[in-house]
Each structure stands twice: as C-alpha cells, then as structure tokens.
C-alpha cells in the first residue's frame, strides 16, 4: 500500500504526505473496510463517486478496495481539485 501511495503522488504531482493523511483518517490504512454509510476502501468512496472518479482517472471497473486503484484515483482527484470530497484534508 505504501508503494501505491508513493506512485500516486509521483504520477499526479501531489503530496505523498497528503495522500497518507487522507488514507489514515478515512480508513486507518485498511483498504478492505466499509463504513456504516457504505463508503468503501482505503479512501472511503461512495459507490457513485467511485464510478465517476475511477472512470475519469482511467480506472473504470477497478474495485475501490484495491489499494493501488484507490491511491491512483485519489491522486487524480487531488490533482484535479476534488480535495473537498474528503473531510480529512
């Protein structure tokens, strides 16, 4: 998972510390968790948000529980101004 976060930071030119901070706050680095509200994975995506963002980032069909895909989609999201999606910024 650390490698995925690092690669997402490099790929999208965003802070690795920022990606780590969000992952810790959202899931405590546990990519298999689902919240009571149904948010999934390392970065706790709602199903519709994941479908849209993963498609935009080039990861359509990927699973939000896949830490590599989640880190890359989140890197894309931060790079493109969607940081407001997470309360933990």
PDB file of N, CA and C in Angstrom:
ATOM      1  N   UNK A   1       0.815  -1.189   0.000  1.00  0.00           N
ATOM      2  CA  UNK A   1       0.000   0.000   0.000  1.00  0.00           C
ATOM      3  C   UNK A   1       0.864   1.261   0.000  1.00  0.00           C
ATOM      4  N   UNK A   2       1.960   1.257   0.753  1.00  0.00           N
ATOM      5  CA  UNK A   2       2.840   2.430   0.773  1.00  0.00           C
ATOM      6  C   UNK A   2       3.380   2.715  -0.623  1.00  0.00           C
ATOM      7  N   UNK A   3       3.686   1.657  -1.368  1.00  0.00           N
ATOM      8  CA  UNK A   3       4.173   1.834  -2.732  1.00  0.00           C
ATOM      9  C   UNK A   3       3.123   2.455  -3.628  1.00  0.00           C
ATOM     10  N   UNK A   4       1.879   2.062  -3.444  1.00  0.00           N
ATOM     11  CA  UNK A   4       0.784   2.613  -4.242  1.00  0.00           C
ATOM     12  C   UNK A   4       0.615   4.098  -3.958  1.00  0.00           C
ATOM     13  N   UNK A   5       0.659   4.464  -2.701  1.00  0.00           N
ATOM     14  CA  UNK A   5       0.518   5.875  -2.325  1.00  0.00           C
ATOM     15  C   UNK A   5       1.672   6.688  -2.888  1.00  0.00           C
ATOM     16  N   UNK A   6       2.880   6.148  -2.783  1.00  0.00           N
ATOM     17  CA  UNK A   6       4.050   6.848  -3.337  1.00  0.00           C
ATOM     18  C   UNK A   6       3.901   7.042  -4.842  1.00  0.00           C
ATOM     19  N   UNK A   7       3.547   5.982  -5.547  1.00  0.00           N
ATOM     20  CA  UNK A   7       3.404   6.063  -7.000  1.00  0.00           C
ATOM     21  C   UNK A   7       2.304   7.038  -7.417  1.00  0.00           C
ATOM     22  N   UNK A   8       1.206   7.067  -6.679  1.00  0.00           N
ATOM     23  CA  UNK A   8       0.130   8.015  -6.995  1.00  0.00           C
ATOM     24  C   UNK A   8       0.613   9.451  -6.813  1.00  0.00           C
ATOM     25  N   UNK A   9       1.384   9.693  -5.759  1.00  0.00           N
ATOM     26  CA  UNK A   9       1.917  11.037  -5.523  1.00  0.00           C
ATOM     27  C   UNK A   9       2.826  11.458  -6.669  1.00  0.00           C
ATOM     28  N   UNK A  10       3.689  10.548  -7.104  1.00  0.00           N
ATOM     29  CA  UNK A  10       4.607  10.850  -8.205  1.00  0.00           C
ATOM     30  C   UNK A  10       3.830  11.052  -9.506  1.00  0.00           C
ATOM     31  N   UNK A  11       2.923  10.133  -9.796  1.00  0.00           N
ATOM     32  CA  UNK A  11       2.157  10.174 -11.056  1.00  0.00           C
ATOM     33  C   UNK A  11       1.367  11.472 -11.212  1.00  0.00           C
ATOM     34  N   UNK A  12       0.770  11.940 -10.110  1.00  0.00           N
ATOM     35  CA  UNK A  12      -0.118  13.102 -10.204  1.00  0.00           C
ATOM     36  C   UNK A  12       0.469  14.386  -9.623  1.00  0.00           C
ATOM     37  N   UNK A  13       1.697  14.302  -9.121  1.00  0.00           N
ATOM     38  CA  UNK A  13       2.348  15.507  -8.616  1.00  0.00           C
ATOM     39  C   UNK A  13       1.674  16.091  -7.394  1.00  0.00           C
ATOM     40  N   UNK A  14       1.191  15.217  -6.524  1.00  0.00           N
ATOM     41  CA  UNK A  14       0.570  15.669  -5.282  1.00  0.00           C
ATOM     42  C   UNK A  14       1.406  15.170  -4.098  1.00  0.00           C
ATOM     43  N   UNK A  15       1.164  15.729  -2.958  1.00  0.00           N
ATOM     44  CA  UNK A  15       1.937  15.383  -1.770  1.00  0.00           C
ATOM     45  C   UNK A  15       1.647  13.959  -1.293  1.00  0.00           C
ATOM     46  N   UNK A  16       2.718  13.192  -1.148  1.00  0.00           N
ATOM     47  CA  UNK A  16       2.585  11.846  -0.598  1.00  0.00           C
ATOM     48  C   UNK A  16       2.062  11.909   0.837  1.00  0.00           C
ATOM     49  N   UNK A  17       2.524  12.890   1.590  1.00  0.00           N
ATOM     50  CA  UNK A  17       2.049  13.052   2.968  1.00  0.00           C
ATOM     51  C   UNK A  17       0.548  13.322   2.993  1.00  0.00           C
ATOM     52  N   UNK A  18       0.073  14.084   2.043  1.00  0.00           N
ATOM     53  CA  UNK A  18      -1.357  14.398   1.944  1.00  0.00           C
ATOM     54  C   UNK A  18      -2.153  13.129   1.650  1.00  0.00           C
ATOM     55  N   UNK A  19      -1.686  12.330   0.692  1.00  0.00           N
ATOM     56  CA  UNK A  19      -2.362  11.063   0.388  1.00  0.00           C
ATOM     57  C   UNK A  19      -2.357  10.130   1.597  1.00  0.00           C
ATOM     58  N   UNK A  20      -1.241  10.071   2.303  1.00  0.00           N
ATOM     59  CA  UNK A  20      -1.164   9.225   3.512  1.00  0.00           C
ATOM     60  C   UNK A  20      -2.116   9.735   4.594  1.00  0.00           C
ATOM     61  N   UNK A  21      -2.147  11.047   4.777  1.00  0.00           N
ATOM     62  CA  UNK A  21      -3.009  11.636   5.807  1.00  0.00           C
ATOM     63  C   UNK A  21      -4.475  11.290   5.558  1.00  0.00           C
ATOM     64  N   UNK A  22      -4.913  11.416   4.320  1.00  0.00           N
ATOM     65  CA  UNK A  22      -6.309  11.111   3.990  1.00  0.00           C
ATOM     66  C   UNK A  22      -6.587   9.625   4.200  1.00  0.00           C
ATOM     67  N   UNK A  23      -5.681   8.761   3.745  1.00  0.00           N
ATOM     68  CA  UNK A  23      -5.879   7.313   3.899  1.00  0.00           C
ATOM     69  C   UNK A  23      -5.963   6.926   5.375  1.00  0.00           C
ATOM     70  N   UNK A  24      -5.101   7.504   6.199  1.00  0.00           N
ATOM     71  CA  UNK A  24      -5.141   7.189   7.622  1.00  0.00           C
ATOM     72  C   UNK A  24      -6.439   7.675   8.250  1.00  0.00           C
ATOM     73  N   UNK A  25      -6.812   8.893   7.949  1.00  0.00           N
ATOM     74  CA  UNK A  25      -8.021   9.478   8.522  1.00  0.00           C
ATOM     75  C   UNK A  25      -9.274   8.715   8.084  1.00  0.00           C
ATOM     76  N   UNK A  26      -9.320   8.337   6.830  1.00  0.00           N
ATOM     77  CA  UNK A  26     -10.511   7.675   6.296  1.00  0.00           C
ATOM     78  C   UNK A  26     -10.625   6.208   6.696  1.00  0.00           C
ATOM     79  N   UNK A  27      -9.500   5.483   6.704  1.00  0.00           N
ATOM     80  CA  UNK A  27      -9.591   4.028   6.890  1.00  0.00           C
ATOM     81  C   UNK A  27      -8.550   3.439   7.830  1.00  0.00           C
ATOM     82  N   UNK A  28      -7.705   4.275   8.411  1.00  0.00           N
ATOM     83  CA  UNK A  28      -6.596   3.786   9.228  1.00  0.00           C
ATOM     84  C   UNK A  28      -5.709   2.839   8.423  1.00  0.00           C
ATOM     85  N   UNK A  29      -5.591   3.127   7.132  1.00  0.00           N
ATOM     86  CA  UNK A  29      -4.789   2.339   6.173  1.00  0.00           C
ATOM     87  C   UNK A  29      -5.324   0.924   5.965  1.00  0.00           C
ATOM     88  N   UNK A  30      -6.591   0.712   6.187  1.00  0.00           N
ATOM     89  CA  UNK A  30      -7.198  -0.611   5.999  1.00  0.00           C
ATOM     90  C   UNK A  30      -8.030  -0.587   4.723  1.00  0.00           C
ATOM     91  N   UNK A  31      -7.492  -1.100   3.617  1.00  0.00           N
ATOM     92  CA  UNK A  31      -8.179  -0.972   2.334  1.00  0.00           C
ATOM     93  C   UNK A  31      -9.448  -1.804   2.196  1.00  0.00           C
ATOM     94  N   UNK A  32      -9.702  -2.708   3.111  1.00  0.00           N
ATOM     95  CA  UNK A  32     -10.870  -3.598   2.992  1.00  0.00           C
ATOM     96  C   UNK A  32     -12.081  -3.106   3.780  1.00  0.00           C
ATOM     97  N   UNK A  33     -12.000  -1.961   4.436  1.00  0.00           N
ATOM     98  CA  UNK A  33     -13.085  -1.519   5.298  1.00  0.00           C
ATOM     99  C   UNK A  33     -14.234  -0.881   4.526  1.00  0.00           C
ATOM    100  N   UNK A  34     -15.417  -1.022   5.098  1.00  0.00           N
ATOM    101  CA  UNK A  34     -16.625  -0.361   4.609  1.00  0.00           C
ATOM    102  C   UNK A  34     -17.237   0.363   5.802  1.00  0.00           C
ATOM    103  N   UNK A  35     -17.571   1.622   5.612  1.00  0.00           N
ATOM    104  CA  UNK A  35     -18.170   2.399   6.701  1.00  0.00           C
ATOM    105  C   UNK A  35     -19.631   2.005   6.882  1.00  0.00           C
ATOM    106  N   UNK A  36     -20.209   2.432   7.968  1.00  0.00           N
ATOM    107  CA  UNK A  36     -21.641   2.191   8.205  1.00  0.00           C
ATOM    108  C   UNK A  36     -22.490   2.797   7.101  1.00  0.00           C
ATOM    109  N   UNK A  37     -22.000   3.869   6.517  1.00  0.00           N
ATOM    110  CA  UNK A  37     -22.726   4.540   5.431  1.00  0.00           C
ATOM    111  C   UNK A  37     -22.483   3.928   4.060  1.00  0.00           C
ATOM    112  N   UNK A  38     -21.660   2.884   4.000  1.00  0.00           N
ATOM    113  CA  UNK A  38     -21.417   2.200   2.745  1.00  0.00           C
ATOM    114  C   UNK A  38     -20.219   2.696   1.950  1.00  0.00           C
ATOM    115  N   UNK A  39     -19.431   3.596   2.510  1.00  0.00           N
ATOM    116  CA  UNK A  39     -18.229   4.071   1.824  1.00  0.00           C
ATOM    117  C   UNK A  39     -17.164   2.982   1.891  1.00  0.00           C
ATOM    118  N   UNK A  40     -16.418   2.823   0.787  1.00  0.00           N
ATOM    119  CA  UNK A  40     -15.563   1.650   0.640  1.00  0.00           C
ATOM    120  C   UNK A  40     -14.094   1.985   0.433  1.00  0.00           C
ATOM    121  N   UNK A  41     -13.270   1.142   1.027  1.00  0.00           N
ATOM    122  CA  UNK A  41     -11.849   1.116   0.718  1.00  0.00           C
ATOM    123  C   UNK A  41     -10.984   2.104   1.469  1.00  0.00           C
ATOM    124  N   UNK A  42      -9.741   2.154   1.009  1.00  0.00           N
ATOM    125  CA  UNK A  42      -8.694   2.954   1.630  1.00  0.00           C
ATOM    126  C   UNK A  42      -9.084   4.416   1.785  1.00  0.00           C
ATOM    127  N   UNK A  43      -9.762   4.962   0.774  1.00  0.00           N
ATOM    128  CA  UNK A  43     -10.142   6.371   0.789  1.00  0.00           C
ATOM    129  C   UNK A  43     -11.637   6.588   0.954  1.00  0.00           C
ATOM    130  N   UNK A  44     -12.366   5.529   1.288  1.00  0.00           N
ATOM    131  CA  UNK A  44     -13.786   5.589   1.635  1.00  0.00           C
ATOM    132  C   UNK A  44     -14.647   6.294   0.582  1.00  0.00           C
ATOM    133  N   UNK A  45     -14.734   5.669  -0.571  1.00  0.00           N
ATOM    134  CA  UNK A  45     -15.542   6.199  -1.664  1.00  0.00           C
ATOM    135  C   UNK A  45     -16.986   5.724  -1.599  1.00  0.00           C
ATOM    136  N   UNK A  46     -17.918   6.635  -1.838  1.00  0.00           N
ATOM    137  CA  UNK A  46     -19.309   6.262  -2.095  1.00  0.00           C
ATOM    138  C   UNK A  46     -19.331   5.612  -3.481  1.00  0.00           C
ATOM    139  N   UNK A  47     -20.253   4.708  -3.696  1.00  0.00           N
ATOM    140  CA  UNK A  47     -20.288   3.935  -4.948  1.00  0.00           C
ATOM    141  C   UNK A  47     -20.341   4.830  -6.191  1.00  0.00           C
ATOM    142  N   UNK A  48     -21.222   5.809  -6.202  1.00  0.00           N
ATOM    143  CA  UNK A  48     -21.356   6.685  -7.369  1.00  0.00           C
ATOM    144  C   UNK A  48     -20.127   7.549  -7.596  1.00  0.00           C
ATOM    145  N   UNK A  49     -19.558   8.046  -6.525  1.00  0.00           N
ATOM    146  CA  UNK A  49     -18.344   8.853  -6.636  1.00  0.00           C
ATOM    147  C   UNK A  49     -17.206   8.012  -7.188  1.00  0.00           C
ATOM    148  N   UNK A  50     -17.082   6.781  -6.676  1.00  0.00           N
ATOM    149  CA  UNK A  50     -16.039   5.895  -7.174  1.00  0.00           C
ATOM    150  C   UNK A  50     -16.220   5.610  -8.668  1.00  0.00           C
ATOM    151  N   UNK A  51     -17.439   5.317  -9.086  1.00  0.00           N
ATOM    152  CA  UNK A  51     -17.666   5.031 -10.509  1.00  0.00           C
ATOM    153  C   UNK A  51     -17.229   6.213 -11.376  1.00  0.00           C
ATOM    154  N   UNK A  52     -17.629   7.415 -10.984  1.00  0.00           N
ATOM    155  CA  UNK A  52     -17.299   8.590 -11.776  1.00  0.00           C
ATOM    156  C   UNK A  52     -15.798   8.888 -11.740  1.00  0.00           C
ATOM    157  N   UNK A  53     -15.229   8.979 -10.542  1.00  0.00           N
ATOM    158  CA  UNK A  53     -13.817   9.341 -10.427  1.00  0.00           C
ATOM    159  C   UNK A  53     -12.908   8.280 -11.026  1.00  0.00           C
ATOM    160  N   UNK A  54     -13.210   7.024 -10.804  1.00  0.00           N
ATOM    161  CA  UNK A  54     -12.351   5.976 -11.360  1.00  0.00           C
ATOM    162  C   UNK A  54     -12.392   6.002 -12.884  1.00  0.00           C
ATOM    163  N   UNK A  55     -13.538   6.282 -13.453  1.00  0.00           N
ATOM    164  CA  UNK A  55     -13.649   6.393 -14.917  1.00  0.00           C
ATOM    165  C   UNK A  55     -12.817   7.580 -15.412  1.00  0.00           C
ATOM    166  N   UNK A  56     -12.938   8.708 -14.745  1.00  0.00           N
ATOM    167  CA  UNK A  56     -12.190   9.906 -15.144  1.00  0.00           C
ATOM    168  C   UNK A  56     -10.682   9.678 -15.058  1.00  0.00           C
ATOM    169  N   UNK A  57     -10.260   8.942 -14.044  1.00  0.00           N
ATOM    170  CA  UNK A  57      -8.832   8.712 -13.802  1.00  0.00           C
ATOM    171  C   UNK A  57      -8.261   7.569 -14.635  1.00  0.00           C
ATOM    172  N   UNK A  58      -9.115   6.894 -15.401  1.00  0.00           N
ATOM    173  CA  UNK A  58      -8.638   5.796 -16.226  1.00  0.00           C
ATOM    174  C   UNK A  58      -8.648   4.445 -15.526  1.00  0.00           C
ATOM    175  N   UNK A  59      -9.414   4.348 -14.447  1.00  0.00           N
ATOM    176  CA  UNK A  59      -9.505   3.098 -13.683  1.00  0.00           C
ATOM    177  C   UNK A  59     -10.938   2.565 -13.650  1.00  0.00           C
ATOM    178  N   UNK A  60     -11.685   2.812 -14.698  1.00  0.00           N
ATOM    179  CA  UNK A  60     -13.064   2.306 -14.769  1.00  0.00           C
ATOM    180  C   UNK A  60     -13.060   0.798 -14.570  1.00  0.00           C
ATOM    181  N   UNK A  61     -13.977   0.322 -13.762  1.00  0.00           N
ATOM    182  CA  UNK A  61     -14.089  -1.104 -13.495  1.00  0.00           C
ATOM    183  C   UNK A  61     -13.215  -1.586 -12.361  1.00  0.00           C
ATOM    184  N   UNK A  62     -12.313  -0.749 -11.882  1.00  0.00           N
ATOM    185  CA  UNK A  62     -11.467  -1.137 -10.751  1.00  0.00           C
ATOM    186  C   UNK A  62     -12.303  -1.167  -9.471  1.00  0.00           C
ATOM    187  N   UNK A  63     -11.821  -1.881  -8.514  1.00  0.00           N
ATOM    188  CA  UNK A  63     -12.503  -2.048  -7.231  1.00  0.00           C
ATOM    189  C   UNK A  63     -12.008  -1.000  -6.244  1.00  0.00           C
ATOM    190  N   UNK A  64     -12.892  -0.304  -5.529  1.00  0.00           N
ATOM    191  CA  UNK A  64     -12.426   0.692  -4.559  1.00  0.00           C
ATOM    192  C   UNK A  64     -11.642   0.070  -3.401  1.00  0.00           C
ATOM    193  N   UNK A  65     -11.739  -1.258  -3.252  1.00  0.00           N
ATOM    194  CA  UNK A  65     -10.975  -1.945  -2.209  1.00  0.00           C
ATOM    195  C   UNK A  65      -9.548  -2.276  -2.662  1.00  0.00           C
ATOM    196  N   UNK A  66      -9.251  -2.048  -3.941  1.00  0.00           N
ATOM    197  CA  UNK A  66      -7.899  -2.262  -4.457  1.00  0.00           C
ATOM    198  C   UNK A  66      -7.067  -1.033  -4.077  1.00  0.00           C
ATOM    199  N   UNK A  67      -6.086  -1.199  -3.188  1.00  0.00           N
ATOM    200  CA  UNK A  67      -5.350  -0.017  -2.713  1.00  0.00           C
ATOM    201  C   UNK A  67      -4.599   0.719  -3.821  1.00  0.00           C
ATOM    202  N   UNK A  68      -4.125  -0.010  -4.834  1.00  0.00           N
ATOM    203  CA  UNK A  68      -3.426   0.654  -5.938  1.00  0.00           C
ATOM    204  C   UNK A  68      -4.395   1.562  -6.693  1.00  0.00           C
ATOM    205  N   UNK A  69      -5.526   1.006  -7.101  1.00  0.00           N
ATOM    206  CA  UNK A  69      -6.515   1.796  -7.838  1.00  0.00           C
ATOM    207  C   UNK A  69      -7.010   2.959  -6.988  1.00  0.00           C
ATOM    208  N   UNK A  70      -7.281   2.710  -5.716  1.00  0.00           N
ATOM    209  CA  UNK A  70      -7.789   3.773  -4.838  1.00  0.00           C
ATOM    210  C   UNK A  70      -6.781   4.903  -4.693  1.00  0.00           C
ATOM    211  N   UNK A  71      -5.511   4.568  -4.532  1.00  0.00           N
ATOM    212  CA  UNK A  71      -4.483   5.607  -4.404  1.00  0.00           C
ATOM    213  C   UNK A  71      -4.363   6.407  -5.697  1.00  0.00           C
ATOM    214  N   UNK A  72      -4.392   5.716  -6.835  1.00  0.00           N
ATOM    215  CA  UNK A  72      -4.269   6.414  -8.114  1.00  0.00           C
ATOM    216  C   UNK A  72      -5.474   7.318  -8.382  1.00  0.00           C
ATOM    217  N   UNK A  73      -6.656   6.827  -8.111  1.00  0.00           N
ATOM    218  CA  UNK A  73      -7.860   7.635  -8.320  1.00  0.00           C
ATOM    219  C   UNK A  73      -7.842   8.837  -7.381  1.00  0.00           C
ATOM    220  N   UNK A  74      -7.410   8.636  -6.161  1.00  0.00           N
ATOM    221  CA  UNK A  74      -7.350   9.744  -5.209  1.00  0.00           C
ATOM    222  C   UNK A  74      -6.280  10.754  -5.618  1.00  0.00           C
ATOM    223  N   UNK A  75      -5.145  10.268  -6.103  1.00  0.00           N
ATOM    224  CA  UNK A  75      -4.126  11.180  -6.628  1.00  0.00           C
ATOM    225  C   UNK A  75      -4.685  12.016  -7.764  1.00  0.00           C
ATOM    226  N   UNK A  76      -5.410  11.358  -8.682  1.00  0.00           N
ATOM    227  CA  UNK A  76      -6.055  12.077  -9.788  1.00  0.00           C
ATOM    228  C   UNK A  76      -7.025  13.129  -9.238  1.00  0.00           C
ATOM    229  N   UNK A  77      -7.830  12.714  -8.253  1.00  0.00           N
ATOM    230  CA  UNK A  77      -8.841  13.614  -7.694  1.00  0.00           C
ATOM    231  C   UNK A  77      -8.204  14.843  -7.053  1.00  0.00           C
ATOM    232  N   UNK A  78      -7.143  14.649  -6.286  1.00  0.00           N
ATOM    233  CA  UNK A  78      -6.475  15.777  -5.642  1.00  0.00           C
ATOM    234  C   UNK A  78      -5.864  16.699  -6.695  1.00  0.00           C
ATOM    235  N   UNK A  79      -5.246  16.113  -7.697  1.00  0.00           N
ATOM    236  CA  UNK A  79      -4.624  16.900  -8.769  1.00  0.00           C
ATOM    237  C   UNK A  79      -5.640  17.748  -9.525  1.00  0.00           C
ATOM    238  N   UNK A  80      -6.869  17.250  -9.616  1.00  0.00           N
ATOM    239  CA  UNK A  80      -7.894  17.935 -10.390  1.00  0.00           C
ATOM    240  C   UNK A  80      -8.893  18.725  -9.538  1.00  0.00           C
ATOM    241  N   UNK A  81      -8.523  19.014  -8.306  1.00  0.00           N
ATOM    242  CA  UNK A  81      -9.313  19.929  -7.493  1.00  0.00           C
ATOM    243  C   UNK A  81     -10.482  19.333  -6.730  1.00  0.00           C
ATOM    244  N   UNK A  82     -10.462  18.029  -6.509  1.00  0.00           N
ATOM    245  CA  UNK A  82     -11.563  17.385  -5.790  1.00  0.00           C
ATOM    246  C   UNK A  82     -11.229  17.060  -4.338  1.00  0.00           C
ATOM    247  N   UNK A  83     -10.330  17.798  -3.735  1.00  0.00           N
ATOM    248  CA  UNK A  83      -9.953  17.544  -2.338  1.00  0.00           C
ATOM    249  C   UNK A  83     -11.136  17.678  -1.387  1.00  0.00           C
ATOM    250  N   UNK A  84     -12.127  18.480  -1.755  1.00  0.00           N
ATOM    251  CA  UNK A  84     -13.286  18.693  -0.918  1.00  0.00           C
ATOM    252  C   UNK A  84     -14.114  17.433  -0.710  1.00  0.00           C
ATOM    253  N   UNK A  85     -13.826  16.403  -1.475  1.00  0.00           N
ATOM    254  CA  UNK A  85     -14.526  15.129  -1.310  1.00  0.00           C
ATOM    255  C   UNK A  85     -14.250  14.523   0.060  1.00  0.00           C
ATOM    256  N   UNK A  86     -13.099  14.797   0.636  1.00  0.00           N
ATOM    257  CA  UNK A  86     -12.714  14.220   1.917  1.00  0.00           C
ATOM    258  C   UNK A  86     -12.758  15.274   3.019  1.00  0.00           C
ATOM    259  N   UNK A  87     -13.341  14.906   4.143  1.00  0.00           N
ATOM    260  CA  UNK A  87     -13.355  15.803   5.299  1.00  0.00           C
ATOM    261  C   UNK A  87     -11.938  15.912   5.872  1.00  0.00           C
ATOM    262  N   UNK A  88     -11.153  14.874   5.709  1.00  0.00           N
ATOM    263  CA  UNK A  88      -9.763  14.827   6.200  1.00  0.00           C
ATOM    264  C   UNK A  88      -8.836  15.357   5.123  1.00  0.00           C
ATOM    265  N   UNK A  89      -8.619  16.641   5.104  1.00  0.00           N
ATOM    266  CA  UNK A  89      -7.740  17.210   4.075  1.00  0.00           C
ATOM    267  C   UNK A  89      -6.509  17.657   4.752  1.00  0.00           C
TER     268      UNK A  89
END
